[in-house]
Amino acid sequence: MSKQVTQLGFWSAALAALLSITFTVGAALGIVGVLRAPWDIIVGEGASLLLAPTFVVMMVCVHYLAPDQKKLWSHTGLAFALLYAALASIVYVVWLFVIEPKVLSGQPEEVAPFLFEPG
């Protein structure tokens, strides 16, 4: 089982790194205007939405591979990863499927409290 956990941990960590880079590059390209709507939002927030469960899988693998005397810390990290995944999933699903469609359809006033002004 240790080999399966190690492989799953490696690939989930690699995917988490790739998604983090995708978020950063997407946000930067959106800020400088290279990515236009809706891609400026979809790339960054989509990567973040996928990052949340990938990070949880990585933390599960860390917990399984941690020595017994450090399981308390890996379990604590896993608990925080689950909280992050739940909150991030709520935020990014609402942003991608509620807020952004309203903005693109010309109804930003309906979601005005959730919008950020550039700068």
C-alpha atoms as a PDB file:
ATOM      1  CA  MET A   1       0.000   0.000   0.000  1.00  0.00           C
ATOM      2  CA  SER A   2       2.890   2.353   0.684  1.00  0.00           C
ATOM      3  CA  LYS A   3       3.830   2.369  -3.022  1.00  0.00           C
ATOM      4  CA  GLN A   4       0.268   3.301  -4.017  1.00  0.00           C
ATOM      5  CA  VAL A   5       0.178   6.069  -1.422  1.00  0.00           C
ATOM      6  CA  THR A   6       3.564   7.356  -2.569  1.00  0.00           C
ATOM      7  CA  GLN A   7       2.505   7.396  -6.221  1.00  0.00           C
ATOM      8  CA  LEU A   8      -0.834   9.031  -5.495  1.00  0.00           C
ATOM      9  CA  GLY A   9       0.892  11.562  -3.258  1.00  0.00           C
ATOM     10  CA  PHE A  10       3.470  12.366  -5.931  1.00  0.00           C
ATOM     11  CA  TRP A  11       0.921  12.856  -8.705  1.00  0.00           C
ATOM     12  CA  SER A  12      -1.469  14.859  -6.534  1.00  0.00           C
ATOM     13  CA  ALA A  13       1.430  17.098  -5.414  1.00  0.00           C
ATOM     14  CA  ALA A  14       2.539  17.532  -9.042  1.00  0.00           C
ATOM     15  CA  LEU A  15      -1.009  18.387 -10.099  1.00  0.00           C
ATOM     16  CA  ALA A  16      -1.375  20.790  -7.158  1.00  0.00           C
ATOM     17  CA  ALA A  17       1.838  22.541  -8.212  1.00  0.00           C
ATOM     18  CA  LEU A  18       0.671  22.732 -11.835  1.00  0.00           C
ATOM     19  CA  LEU A  19      -2.707  24.142 -10.789  1.00  0.00           C
ATOM     20  CA  SER A  20      -1.019  26.703  -8.526  1.00  0.00           C
ATOM     21  CA  ILE A  21       1.165  27.817 -11.409  1.00  0.00           C
ATOM     22  CA  THR A  22      -1.867  27.921 -13.714  1.00  0.00           C
ATOM     23  CA  PHE A  23      -3.700  30.126 -11.209  1.00  0.00           C
ATOM     24  CA  THR A  24      -0.746  32.491 -10.870  1.00  0.00           C
ATOM     25  CA  VAL A  25      -0.081  32.765 -14.598  1.00  0.00           C
ATOM     26  CA  GLY A  26      -3.810  33.089 -15.374  1.00  0.00           C
ATOM     27  CA  ALA A  27      -4.223  35.853 -12.801  1.00  0.00           C
ATOM     28  CA  ALA A  28      -1.173  37.696 -14.104  1.00  0.00           C
ATOM     29  CA  LEU A  29      -2.326  37.398 -17.721  1.00  0.00           C
ATOM     30  CA  GLY A  30      -5.779  38.602 -16.709  1.00  0.00           C
ATOM     31  CA  ILE A  31      -4.369  41.623 -14.892  1.00  0.00           C
ATOM     32  CA  VAL A  32      -2.207  42.740 -17.804  1.00  0.00           C
ATOM     33  CA  GLY A  33      -5.079  42.197 -20.247  1.00  0.00           C
ATOM     34  CA  VAL A  34      -3.763  39.244 -22.254  1.00  0.00           C
ATOM     35  CA  LEU A  35      -6.692  37.064 -21.203  1.00  0.00           C
ATOM     36  CA  ARG A  36     -10.073  38.597 -21.988  1.00  0.00           C
ATOM     37  CA  ALA A  37     -13.419  37.872 -20.339  1.00  0.00           C
ATOM     38  CA  PRO A  38     -14.518  35.249 -19.510  1.00  0.00           C
ATOM     39  CA  TRP A  39     -11.127  33.485 -19.705  1.00  0.00           C
ATOM     40  CA  ASP A  40      -9.475  35.879 -17.272  1.00  0.00           C
ATOM     41  CA  ILE A  41     -11.776  34.477 -14.587  1.00  0.00           C
ATOM     42  CA  ILE A  42     -12.219  30.909 -15.820  1.00  0.00           C
ATOM     43  CA  VAL A  43      -8.505  30.085 -15.921  1.00  0.00           C
ATOM     44  CA  GLY A  44      -7.657  31.327 -12.439  1.00  0.00           C
ATOM     45  CA  GLU A  45     -10.776  30.330 -10.582  1.00  0.00           C
ATOM     46  CA  GLY A  46     -11.084  27.045 -12.473  1.00  0.00           C
ATOM     47  CA  ALA A  47      -7.539  26.120 -11.481  1.00  0.00           C
ATOM     48  CA  SER A  48      -8.283  27.057  -7.870  1.00  0.00           C
ATOM     49  CA  LEU A  49     -11.461  24.996  -7.870  1.00  0.00           C
ATOM     50  CA  LEU A  50      -9.519  21.940  -9.057  1.00  0.00           C
ATOM     51  CA  LEU A  51      -6.660  22.668  -6.666  1.00  0.00           C
ATOM     52  CA  ALA A  52      -8.820  22.220  -3.565  1.00  0.00           C
ATOM     53  CA  PRO A  53      -9.585  18.473  -3.894  1.00  0.00           C
ATOM     54  CA  THR A  54      -6.109  17.798  -5.262  1.00  0.00           C
ATOM     55  CA  PHE A  55      -4.596  19.370  -2.151  1.00  0.00           C
ATOM     56  CA  VAL A  56      -6.836  17.236   0.087  1.00  0.00           C
ATOM     57  CA  VAL A  57      -5.679  14.050  -1.683  1.00  0.00           C
ATOM     58  CA  MET A  58      -2.070  15.135  -1.245  1.00  0.00           C
ATOM     59  CA  MET A  59      -2.627  15.756   2.469  1.00  0.00           C
ATOM     60  CA  VAL A  60      -4.260  12.331   2.907  1.00  0.00           C
ATOM     61  CA  CYS A  61      -1.135  10.780   1.400  1.00  0.00           C
ATOM     62  CA  VAL A  62       1.090  12.858   3.700  1.00  0.00           C
ATOM     63  CA  HIS A  63      -0.929  11.602   6.670  1.00  0.00           C
ATOM     64  CA  TYR A  64      -0.605   7.957   5.624  1.00  0.00           C
ATOM     65  CA  LEU A  65       3.142   8.301   5.064  1.00  0.00           C
ATOM     66  CA  ALA A  66       3.867  10.248   8.263  1.00  0.00           C
ATOM     67  CA  PRO A  67       5.590   8.397  11.104  1.00  0.00           C
ATOM     68  CA  ASP A  68       3.364   7.622  14.090  1.00  0.00           C
ATOM     69  CA  GLN A  69       4.880  10.341  16.289  1.00  0.00           C
ATOM     70  CA  LYS A  70       3.970  12.966  13.655  1.00  0.00           C
ATOM     71  CA  LYS A  71       0.467  11.759  12.763  1.00  0.00           C
ATOM     72  CA  LEU A  72      -1.062  14.404  15.037  1.00  0.00           C
ATOM     73  CA  TRP A  73       0.435  17.130  12.830  1.00  0.00           C
ATOM     74  CA  SER A  74      -0.436  15.477   9.540  1.00  0.00           C
ATOM     75  CA  HIS A  75      -3.987  14.921  10.778  1.00  0.00           C
ATOM     76  CA  THR A  76      -4.193  18.592  11.784  1.00  0.00           C
ATOM     77  CA  GLY A  77      -2.944  19.574   8.324  1.00  0.00           C
ATOM     78  CA  LEU A  78      -5.554  17.318   6.761  1.00  0.00           C
ATOM     79  CA  ALA A  79      -8.297  18.936   8.833  1.00  0.00           C
ATOM     80  CA  PHE A  80      -7.253  22.395   7.638  1.00  0.00           C
ATOM     81  CA  ALA A  81      -7.023  21.121   4.045  1.00  0.00           C
ATOM     82  CA  LEU A  82     -10.620  19.891   4.280  1.00  0.00           C
ATOM     83  CA  LEU A  83     -11.779  23.268   5.607  1.00  0.00           C
ATOM     84  CA  TYR A  84      -9.913  25.027   2.800  1.00  0.00           C
ATOM     85  CA  ALA A  85     -11.396  22.700   0.168  1.00  0.00           C
ATOM     86  CA  ALA A  86     -14.933  23.219   1.429  1.00  0.00           C
ATOM     87  CA  LEU A  87     -14.646  27.008   1.544  1.00  0.00           C
ATOM     88  CA  ALA A  88     -12.735  27.312  -1.733  1.00  0.00           C
ATOM     89  CA  SER A  89     -15.245  25.069  -3.499  1.00  0.00           C
ATOM     90  CA  ILE A  90     -18.148  27.207  -2.337  1.00  0.00           C
ATOM     91  CA  VAL A  91     -16.441  30.453  -3.316  1.00  0.00           C
ATOM     92  CA  TYR A  92     -15.218  29.354  -6.744  1.00  0.00           C
ATOM     93  CA  VAL A  93     -18.422  27.547  -7.743  1.00  0.00           C
ATOM     94  CA  VAL A  94     -20.446  30.659  -6.862  1.00  0.00           C
ATOM     95  CA  TRP A  95     -17.966  32.871  -8.690  1.00  0.00           C
ATOM     96  CA  LEU A  96     -17.831  30.730 -11.849  1.00  0.00           C
ATOM     97  CA  PHE A  97     -21.492  29.763 -12.114  1.00  0.00           C
ATOM     98  CA  VAL A  98     -23.367  32.691 -10.542  1.00  0.00           C
ATOM     99  CA  ILE A  99     -21.323  35.880 -10.479  1.00  0.00           C
ATOM    100  CA  GLU A 100     -19.397  35.648 -13.752  1.00  0.00           C
ATOM    101  CA  PRO A 101     -22.459  34.744 -15.892  1.00  0.00           C
ATOM    102  CA  LYS A 102     -24.337  37.740 -14.446  1.00  0.00           C
ATOM    103  CA  VAL A 103     -21.428  40.044 -15.241  1.00  0.00           C
ATOM    104  CA  LEU A 104     -21.047  38.683 -18.777  1.00  0.00           C
ATOM    105  CA  SER A 105     -24.778  39.002 -19.454  1.00  0.00           C
ATOM    106  CA  GLY A 106     -24.720  42.674 -18.518  1.00  0.00           C
ATOM    107  CA  GLN A 107     -26.353  42.375 -15.096  1.00  0.00           C
ATOM    108  CA  PRO A 108     -23.481  43.183 -12.710  1.00  0.00           C
ATOM    109  CA  GLU A 109     -25.751  45.186 -10.413  1.00  0.00           C
ATOM    110  CA  GLU A 110     -27.380  41.918  -9.298  1.00  0.00           C
ATOM    111  CA  VAL A 111     -24.062  40.665  -7.905  1.00  0.00           C
ATOM    112  CA  ALA A 112     -22.456  44.040  -7.108  1.00  0.00           C
ATOM    113  CA  PRO A 113     -21.596  43.217  -3.453  1.00  0.00           C
ATOM    114  CA  PHE A 114     -19.411  40.338  -4.682  1.00  0.00           C
ATOM    115  CA  LEU A 115     -17.426  42.270  -7.281  1.00  0.00           C
ATOM    116  CA  PHE A 116     -13.977  43.757  -6.874  1.00  0.00           C
ATOM    117  CA  GLU A 117     -12.972  46.934  -8.599  1.00  0.00           C
ATOM    118  CA  PRO A 118      -9.609  46.830 -10.408  1.00  0.00           C
ATOM    119  CA  GLY A 119      -6.826  48.546  -8.487  1.00  0.00           C
END
